[in-house]
PDB file of N, CA and C in Angstrom:
ATOM      1  N   MET A   1    -143.606 -55.329  47.464  1.00  0.00           N
ATOM      2  CA  MET A   1    -144.207 -56.374  46.679  1.00  0.00           C
ATOM      3  C   MET A   1    -145.172 -57.211  47.526  1.00  0.00           C
ATOM      4  N   ARG A   2    -144.802 -57.442  48.784  1.00  0.00           N
ATOM      5  CA  ARG A   2    -145.671 -58.234  49.653  1.00  0.00           C
ATOM      6  C   ARG A   2    -147.010 -57.542  49.884  1.00  0.00           C
ATOM      7  N   VAL A   3    -146.974 -56.232  49.974  1.00  0.00           N
ATOM      8  CA  VAL A   3    -148.207 -55.475  50.191  1.00  0.00           C
ATOM      9  C   VAL A   3    -149.140 -55.645  48.992  1.00  0.00           C
ATOM     10  N   LEU A   4    -148.582 -55.606  47.815  1.00  0.00           N
ATOM     11  CA  LEU A   4    -149.384 -55.788  46.606  1.00  0.00           C
ATOM     12  C   LEU A   4    -150.029 -57.170  46.584  1.00  0.00           C
ATOM     13  N   ILE A   5    -149.282 -58.180  46.964  1.00  0.00           N
ATOM     14  CA  ILE A   5    -149.819 -59.542  46.981  1.00  0.00           C
ATOM     15  C   ILE A   5    -150.956 -59.655  47.989  1.00  0.00           C
ATOM     16  N   GLU A   6    -150.781 -59.087  49.177  1.00  0.00           N
ATOM     17  CA  GLU A   6    -151.845 -59.142  50.186  1.00  0.00           C
ATOM     18  C   GLU A   6    -153.081 -58.363  49.734  1.00  0.00           C
ATOM     19  N   ALA A   7    -152.865 -57.217  49.089  1.00  0.00           N
ATOM     20  CA  ALA A   7    -154.003 -56.439  48.582  1.00  0.00           C
ATOM     21  C   ALA A   7    -154.746 -57.217  47.501  1.00  0.00           C
ATOM     22  N   ILE A   8    -154.000 -57.926  46.661  1.00  0.00           N
ATOM     23  CA  ILE A   8    -154.640 -58.740  45.629  1.00  0.00           C
ATOM     24  C   ILE A   8    -155.450 -59.859  46.265  1.00  0.00           C
ATOM     25  N   HIS A   9    -154.936 -60.452  47.347  1.00  0.00           N
ATOM     26  CA  HIS A   9    -155.702 -61.495  48.044  1.00  0.00           C
ATOM     27  C   HIS A   9    -157.037 -60.955  48.557  1.00  0.00           C
ATOM     28  N   ILE A  10    -157.016 -59.760  49.104  1.00  0.00           N
ATOM     29  CA  ILE A  10    -158.252 -59.153  49.603  1.00  0.00           C
ATOM     30  C   ILE A  10    -159.224 -58.899  48.446  1.00  0.00           C
ATOM     31  N   ILE A  11    -158.718 -58.354  47.370  1.00  0.00           N
ATOM     32  CA  ILE A  11    -159.568 -58.045  46.215  1.00  0.00           C
ATOM     33  C   ILE A  11    -160.165 -59.314  45.618  1.00  0.00           C
ATOM     34  N   VAL A  12    -159.368 -60.364  45.520  1.00  0.00           N
ATOM     35  CA  VAL A  12    -159.870 -61.637  44.982  1.00  0.00           C
ATOM     36  C   VAL A  12    -160.951 -62.198  45.903  1.00  0.00           C
ATOM     37  N   GLY A  13    -160.752 -62.071  47.221  1.00  0.00           N
ATOM     38  CA  GLY A  13    -161.774 -62.532  48.164  1.00  0.00           C
ATOM     39  C   GLY A  13    -163.082 -61.778  48.007  1.00  0.00           C
ATOM     40  N   LEU A  14    -162.986 -60.477  47.777  1.00  0.00           N
ATOM     41  CA  LEU A  14    -164.194 -59.672  47.584  1.00  0.00           C
ATOM     42  C   LEU A  14    -164.914 -60.064  46.294  1.00  0.00           C
ATOM     43  N   PHE A  15    -164.150 -60.257  45.222  1.00  0.00           N
ATOM     44  CA  PHE A  15    -164.766 -60.663  43.960  1.00  0.00           C
ATOM     45  C   PHE A  15    -165.379 -62.056  44.058  1.00  0.00           C
ATOM     46  N   ALA A  16    -164.732 -62.954  44.789  1.00  0.00           N
ATOM     47  CA  ALA A  16    -165.285 -64.298  44.961  1.00  0.00           C
ATOM     48  C   ALA A  16    -166.613 -64.237  45.713  1.00  0.00           C
ATOM     49  N   ALA A  17    -166.672 -63.403  46.751  1.00  0.00           N
ATOM     50  CA  ALA A  17    -167.923 -63.255  47.501  1.00  0.00           C
ATOM     51  C   ALA A  17    -169.018 -62.678  46.605  1.00  0.00           C
ATOM     52  N   LEU A  18    -168.669 -61.697  45.785  1.00  0.00           N
ATOM     53  CA  LEU A  18    -169.652 -61.121  44.864  1.00  0.00           C
ATOM     54  C   LEU A  18    -170.153 -62.147  43.857  1.00  0.00           C
ATOM     55  N   LEU A  19    -169.255 -62.953  43.328  1.00  0.00           N
ATOM     56  CA  LEU A  19    -169.647 -63.960  42.356  1.00  0.00           C
ATOM     57  C   LEU A  19    -170.573 -65.003  42.983  1.00  0.00           C
ATOM     58  N   ILE A  20    -170.215 -65.472  44.161  1.00  0.00           N
ATOM     59  CA  ILE A  20    -171.049 -66.454  44.846  1.00  0.00           C
ATOM     60  C   ILE A  20    -172.422 -65.866  45.152  1.00  0.00           C
ATOM     61  N   ALA A  21    -172.462 -64.618  45.600  1.00  0.00           N
ATOM     62  CA  ALA A  21    -173.739 -63.985  45.911  1.00  0.00           C
ATOM     63  C   ALA A  21    -174.591 -63.802  44.661  1.00  0.00           C
ATOM     64  N   ALA A  22    -173.964 -63.377  43.581  1.00  0.00           N
ATOM     65  CA  ALA A  22    -174.721 -63.165  42.344  1.00  0.00           C
ATOM     66  C   ALA A  22    -175.329 -64.477  41.849  1.00  0.00           C
ATOM     67  N   LEU A  23    -174.530 -65.530  41.873  1.00  0.00           N
ATOM     68  CA  LEU A  23    -175.048 -66.819  41.417  1.00  0.00           C
ATOM     69  C   LEU A  23    -176.107 -67.362  42.369  1.00  0.00           C
ATOM     70  N   SER A  24    -175.899 -67.163  43.655  1.00  0.00           N
ATOM     71  CA  SER A  24    -176.869 -67.656  44.643  1.00  0.00           C
ATOM     72  C   SER A  24    -178.189 -66.905  44.550  1.00  0.00           C
ATOM     73  N   SER A  25    -178.119 -65.594  44.425  1.00  0.00           N
ATOM     74  CA  SER A  25    -179.359 -64.818  44.344  1.00  0.00           C
ATOM     75  C   SER A  25    -180.089 -65.077  43.023  1.00  0.00           C
ATOM     76  N   TRP A  26    -179.358 -65.414  41.974  1.00  0.00           N
ATOM     77  CA  TRP A  26    -179.989 -65.789  40.722  1.00  0.00           C
ATOM     78  C   TRP A  26    -180.682 -67.151  40.862  1.00  0.00           C
ATOM     79  N   ALA A  27    -180.021 -68.077  41.572  1.00  0.00           N
ATOM     80  CA  ALA A  27    -180.560 -69.424  41.702  1.00  0.00           C
ATOM     81  C   ALA A  27    -181.732 -69.489  42.685  1.00  0.00           C
ATOM     82  N   TYR A  28    -181.735 -68.608  43.657  1.00  0.00           N
ATOM     83  CA  TYR A  28    -182.797 -68.638  44.670  1.00  0.00           C
ATOM     84  C   TYR A  28    -183.321 -67.216  44.882  1.00  0.00           C
ATOM     85  N   PRO A  29    -184.167 -66.729  43.982  1.00  0.00           N
ATOM     86  CA  PRO A  29    -184.625 -65.339  44.033  1.00  0.00           C
ATOM     87  C   PRO A  29    -185.390 -64.976  45.307  1.00  0.00           C
ATOM     88  N   LEU A  30    -186.051 -65.940  45.939  1.00  0.00           N
ATOM     89  CA  LEU A  30    -186.804 -65.627  47.151  1.00  0.00           C
ATOM     90  C   LEU A  30    -185.893 -65.210  48.304  1.00  0.00           C
ATOM     91  N   GLY A  31    -184.657 -65.655  48.282  1.00  0.00           N
ATOM     92  CA  GLY A  31    -183.732 -65.320  49.359  1.00  0.00           C
ATOM     93  C   GLY A  31    -182.735 -64.246  48.980  1.00  0.00           C
ATOM     94  N   ARG A  32    -183.040 -63.503  47.924  1.00  0.00           N
ATOM     95  CA  ARG A  32    -182.092 -62.506  47.410  1.00  0.00           C
ATOM     96  C   ARG A  32    -181.636 -61.512  48.479  1.00  0.00           C
ATOM     97  N   ASP A  33    -182.550 -60.968  49.253  1.00  0.00           N
ATOM     98  CA  ASP A  33    -182.171 -59.967  50.265  1.00  0.00           C
ATOM     99  C   ASP A  33    -181.270 -60.567  51.341  1.00  0.00           C
ATOM    100  N   ASP A  34    -181.600 -61.769  51.784  1.00  0.00           N
ATOM    101  CA  ASP A  34    -180.788 -62.422  52.804  1.00  0.00           C
ATOM    102  C   ASP A  34    -179.409 -62.804  52.270  1.00  0.00           C
ATOM    103  N   ILE A  35    -179.379 -63.251  51.033  1.00  0.00           N
ATOM    104  CA  ILE A  35    -178.102 -63.623  50.423  1.00  0.00           C
ATOM    105  C   ILE A  35    -177.177 -62.418  50.360  1.00  0.00           C
ATOM    106  N   TRP A  36    -177.700 -61.275  49.941  1.00  0.00           N
ATOM    107  CA  TRP A  36    -176.853 -60.091  49.833  1.00  0.00           C
ATOM    108  C   TRP A  36    -176.446 -59.550  51.204  1.00  0.00           C
ATOM    109  N   LEU A  37    -177.314 -59.689  52.190  1.00  0.00           N
ATOM    110  CA  LEU A  37    -176.942 -59.273  53.547  1.00  0.00           C
ATOM    111  C   LEU A  37    -175.764 -60.099  54.054  1.00  0.00           C
ATOM    112  N   VAL A  38    -175.851 -61.399  53.889  1.00  0.00           N
ATOM    113  CA  VAL A  38    -174.761 -62.279  54.316  1.00  0.00           C
ATOM    114  C   VAL A  38    -173.495 -61.982  53.518  1.00  0.00           C
ATOM    115  N   THR A  39    -173.648 -61.680  52.248  1.00  0.00           N
ATOM    116  CA  THR A  39    -172.489 -61.356  51.413  1.00  0.00           C
ATOM    117  C   THR A  39    -171.786 -60.101  51.895  1.00  0.00           C
ATOM    118  N   TYR A  40    -172.539 -59.074  52.231  1.00  0.00           N
ATOM    119  CA  TYR A  40    -171.922 -57.837  52.722  1.00  0.00           C
ATOM    120  C   TYR A  40    -171.173 -58.075  54.031  1.00  0.00           C
ATOM    121  N   VAL A  41    -171.736 -58.894  54.895  1.00  0.00           N
ATOM    122  CA  VAL A  41    -171.060 -59.216  56.152  1.00  0.00           C
ATOM    123  C   VAL A  41    -169.784 -60.011  55.874  1.00  0.00           C
ATOM    124  N   ALA A  42    -169.864 -60.968  54.952  1.00  0.00           N
ATOM    125  CA  ALA A  42    -168.694 -61.761  54.596  1.00  0.00           C
ATOM    126  C   ALA A  42    -167.609 -60.894  53.954  1.00  0.00           C
ATOM    127  N   MET A  43    -168.011 -59.934  53.132  1.00  0.00           N
ATOM    128  CA  MET A  43    -167.039 -59.041  52.509  1.00  0.00           C
ATOM    129  C   MET A  43    -166.352 -58.169  53.555  1.00  0.00           C
ATOM    130  N   ALA A  44    -167.103 -57.710  54.539  1.00  0.00           N
ATOM    131  CA  ALA A  44    -166.502 -56.939  55.621  1.00  0.00           C
ATOM    132  C   ALA A  44    -165.516 -57.809  56.397  1.00  0.00           C
ATOM    133  N   ALA A  45    -165.866 -59.073  56.608  1.00  0.00           N
ATOM    134  CA  ALA A  45    -164.966 -59.987  57.320  1.00  0.00           C
ATOM    135  C   ALA A  45    -163.689 -60.225  56.520  1.00  0.00           C
ATOM    136  N   VAL A  46    -163.799 -60.330  55.210  1.00  0.00           N
ATOM    137  CA  VAL A  46    -162.614 -60.516  54.366  1.00  0.00           C
ATOM    138  C   VAL A  46    -161.670 -59.326  54.518  1.00  0.00           C
ATOM    139  N   VAL A  47    -162.220 -58.129  54.510  1.00  0.00           N
ATOM    140  CA  VAL A  47    -161.387 -56.933  54.646  1.00  0.00           C
ATOM    141  C   VAL A  47    -160.756 -56.879  56.033  1.00  0.00           C
ATOM    142  N   VAL A  48    -161.540 -57.131  57.071  1.00  0.00           N
ATOM    143  CA  VAL A  48    -161.007 -57.075  58.440  1.00  0.00           C
ATOM    144  C   VAL A  48    -159.918 -58.129  58.641  1.00  0.00           C
ATOM    145  N   MET A  49    -160.145 -59.337  58.130  1.00  0.00           N
ATOM    146  CA  MET A  49    -159.144 -60.390  58.288  1.00  0.00           C
ATOM    147  C   MET A  49    -157.901 -60.133  57.439  1.00  0.00           C
ATOM    148  N   GLY A  50    -158.012 -59.315  56.419  1.00  0.00           N
ATOM    149  CA  GLY A  50    -156.863 -59.003  55.578  1.00  0.00           C
ATOM    150  C   GLY A  50    -155.998 -57.884  56.110  1.00  0.00           C
ATOM    151  N   ILE A  51    -156.472 -57.157  57.110  1.00  0.00           N
ATOM    152  CA  ILE A  51    -155.711 -56.023  57.637  1.00  0.00           C
ATOM    153  C   ILE A  51    -154.424 -56.483  58.313  1.00  0.00           C
ATOM    154  N   GLY A  52    -154.491 -57.534  59.115  1.00  0.00           N
ATOM    155  CA  GLY A  52    -153.303 -58.026  59.821  1.00  0.00           C
ATOM    156  C   GLY A  52    -152.190 -58.449  58.874  1.00  0.00           C
ATOM    157  N   PRO A  53    -152.473 -59.337  57.914  1.00  0.00           N
ATOM    158  CA  PRO A  53    -151.428 -59.709  56.960  1.00  0.00           C
ATOM    159  C   PRO A  53    -150.922 -58.525  56.128  1.00  0.00           C
ATOM    160  N   LEU A  54    -151.805 -57.587  55.839  1.00  0.00           N
ATOM    161  CA  LEU A  54    -151.396 -56.407  55.079  1.00  0.00           C
ATOM    162  C   LEU A  54    -150.418 -55.552  55.887  1.00  0.00           C
ATOM    163  N   ARG A  55    -150.677 -55.396  57.171  1.00  0.00           N
ATOM    164  CA  ARG A  55    -149.771 -54.617  58.034  1.00  0.00           C
ATOM    165  C   ARG A  55    -148.425 -55.321  58.189  1.00  0.00           C
ATOM    166  N   ARG A  56    -148.439 -56.654  58.332  1.00  0.00           N
ATOM    167  CA  ARG A  56    -147.180 -57.393  58.434  1.00  0.00           C
ATOM    168  C   ARG A  56    -146.379 -57.290  57.142  1.00  0.00           C
ATOM    169  N   ALA A  57    -147.062 -57.367  56.016  1.00  0.00           N
ATOM    170  CA  ALA A  57    -146.380 -57.239  54.726  1.00  0.00           C
ATOM    171  C   ALA A  57    -145.778 -55.852  54.561  1.00  0.00           C
ATOM    172  N   LEU A  58    -146.486 -54.843  55.019  1.00  0.00           N
ATOM    173  CA  LEU A  58    -145.968 -53.483  54.949  1.00  0.00           C
ATOM    174  C   LEU A  58    -144.708 -53.337  55.795  1.00  0.00           C
ATOM    175  N   ALA A  59    -144.718 -53.906  56.992  1.00  0.00           N
ATOM    176  CA  ALA A  59    -143.538 -53.837  57.860  1.00  0.00           C
ATOM    177  C   ALA A  59    -142.354 -54.567  57.232  1.00  0.00           C
ATOM    178  N   GLU A  60    -142.600 -55.737  56.620  1.00  0.00           N
ATOM    179  CA  GLU A  60    -141.519 -56.487  55.971  1.00  0.00           C
ATOM    180  C   GLU A  60    -140.971 -55.730  54.769  1.00  0.00           C
ATOM    181  N   ASP A  61    -141.851 -55.113  53.985  1.00  0.00           N
ATOM    182  CA  ASP A  61    -141.386 -54.342  52.831  1.00  0.00           C
ATOM    183  C   ASP A  61    -140.574 -53.127  53.272  1.00  0.00           C
ATOM    184  N   ARG A  62    -141.005 -52.481  54.335  1.00  0.00           N
ATOM    185  CA  ARG A  62    -140.239 -51.335  54.842  1.00  0.00           C
ATOM    186  C   ARG A  62    -138.870 -51.779  55.342  1.00  0.00           C
ATOM    187  N   ALA A  63    -138.809 -52.907  56.011  1.00  0.00           N
ATOM    188  CA  ALA A  63    -137.528 -53.419  56.499  1.00  0.00           C
ATOM    189  C   ALA A  63    -136.611 -53.772  55.332  1.00  0.00           C
ATOM    190  N   THR A  64    -137.171 -54.357  54.292  1.00  0.00           N
ATOM    191  CA  THR A  64    -136.374 -54.691  53.116  1.00  0.00           C
ATOM    192  C   THR A  64    -135.843 -53.440  52.441  1.00  0.00           C
ATOM    193  N   LEU A  65    -136.679 -52.425  52.335  1.00  0.00           N
ATOM    194  CA  LEU A  65    -136.234 -51.166  51.727  1.00  0.00           C
ATOM    195  C   LEU A  65    -135.167 -50.491  52.577  1.00  0.00           C
ATOM    196  N   ALA A  66    -135.317 -50.533  53.885  1.00  0.00           N
ATOM    197  CA  ALA A  66    -134.324 -49.921  54.764  1.00  0.00           C
ATOM    198  C   ALA A  66    -132.984 -50.639  54.634  1.00  0.00           C
ATOM    199  N   ASN A  67    -133.001 -51.956  54.513  1.00  0.00           N
ATOM    200  CA  ASN A  67    -131.754 -52.714  54.336  1.00  0.00           C
ATOM    201  C   ASN A  67    -131.110 -52.424  52.999  1.00  0.00           C
ATOM    202  N   SER A  68    -131.916 -52.274  51.964  1.00  0.00           N
ATOM    203  CA  SER A  68    -131.338 -52.028  50.639  1.00  0.00           C
ATOM    204  C   SER A  68    -130.788 -50.605  50.525  1.00  0.00           C
ATOM    205  N   LYS A  69    -131.362 -49.664  51.239  1.00  0.00           N
ATOM    206  CA  LYS A  69    -130.833 -48.288  51.215  1.00  0.00           C
ATOM    207  C   LYS A  69    -129.528 -48.196  51.977  1.00  0.00           C
ATOM    208  N   GLY A  70    -129.353 -49.054  52.964  1.00  0.00           N
ATOM    209  CA  GLY A  70    -128.119 -49.027  53.760  1.00  0.00           C
ATOM    210  C   GLY A  70    -126.943 -49.678  53.065  1.00  0.00           C
ATOM    211  N   GLY A  71    -127.186 -50.292  51.899  1.00  0.00           N
ATOM    212  CA  GLY A  71    -126.100 -50.910  51.163  1.00  0.00           C
ATOM    213  C   GLY A  71    -125.846 -52.344  51.544  1.00  0.00           C
ATOM    214  N   THR A  72    -126.715 -52.932  52.361  1.00  0.00           N
ATOM    215  CA  THR A  72    -126.536 -54.322  52.768  1.00  0.00           C
ATOM    216  C   THR A  72    -127.570 -55.195  52.085  1.00  0.00           C
ATOM    217  N   ASP A  73    -127.617 -55.115  50.789  1.00  0.00           N
ATOM    218  CA  ASP A  73    -128.591 -55.900  50.024  1.00  0.00           C
ATOM    219  C   ASP A  73    -128.183 -57.364  50.065  1.00  0.00           C
ATOM    220  N   SER A  74    -129.044 -58.209  50.593  1.00  0.00           N
ATOM    221  CA  SER A  74    -128.705 -59.613  50.760  1.00  0.00           C
ATOM    222  C   SER A  74    -128.988 -60.442  49.511  1.00  0.00           C
ATOM    223  N   ASP A  75    -129.523 -59.835  48.463  1.00  0.00           N
ATOM    224  CA  ASP A  75    -129.860 -60.583  47.261  1.00  0.00           C
ATOM    225  C   ASP A  75    -128.649 -60.760  46.343  1.00  0.00           C
ATOM    226  N   GLY A  76    -127.614 -60.078  46.568  1.00  0.00           N
ATOM    227  CA  GLY A  76    -126.433 -60.323  45.752  1.00  0.00           C
ATOM    228  C   GLY A  76    -125.939 -59.105  45.121  1.00  0.00           C
TER     229      GLY A  76
END
């Protein structure tokens, strides 16, 4: 479940960058190329910064699954 949440955070960040870029390039057409260049760099940064939390979430989910398979479910 944690992996899904982290993936959703990355996807929302990408959509937010796209929305900001679309509105910015519409509002300032002369800077359209520069706006999209910065947007692509920002989108790459969002993905790179999301890798660490995604890997930690994957490790936590695997640990939770390993505990539940062993019969030591701590949820009750």
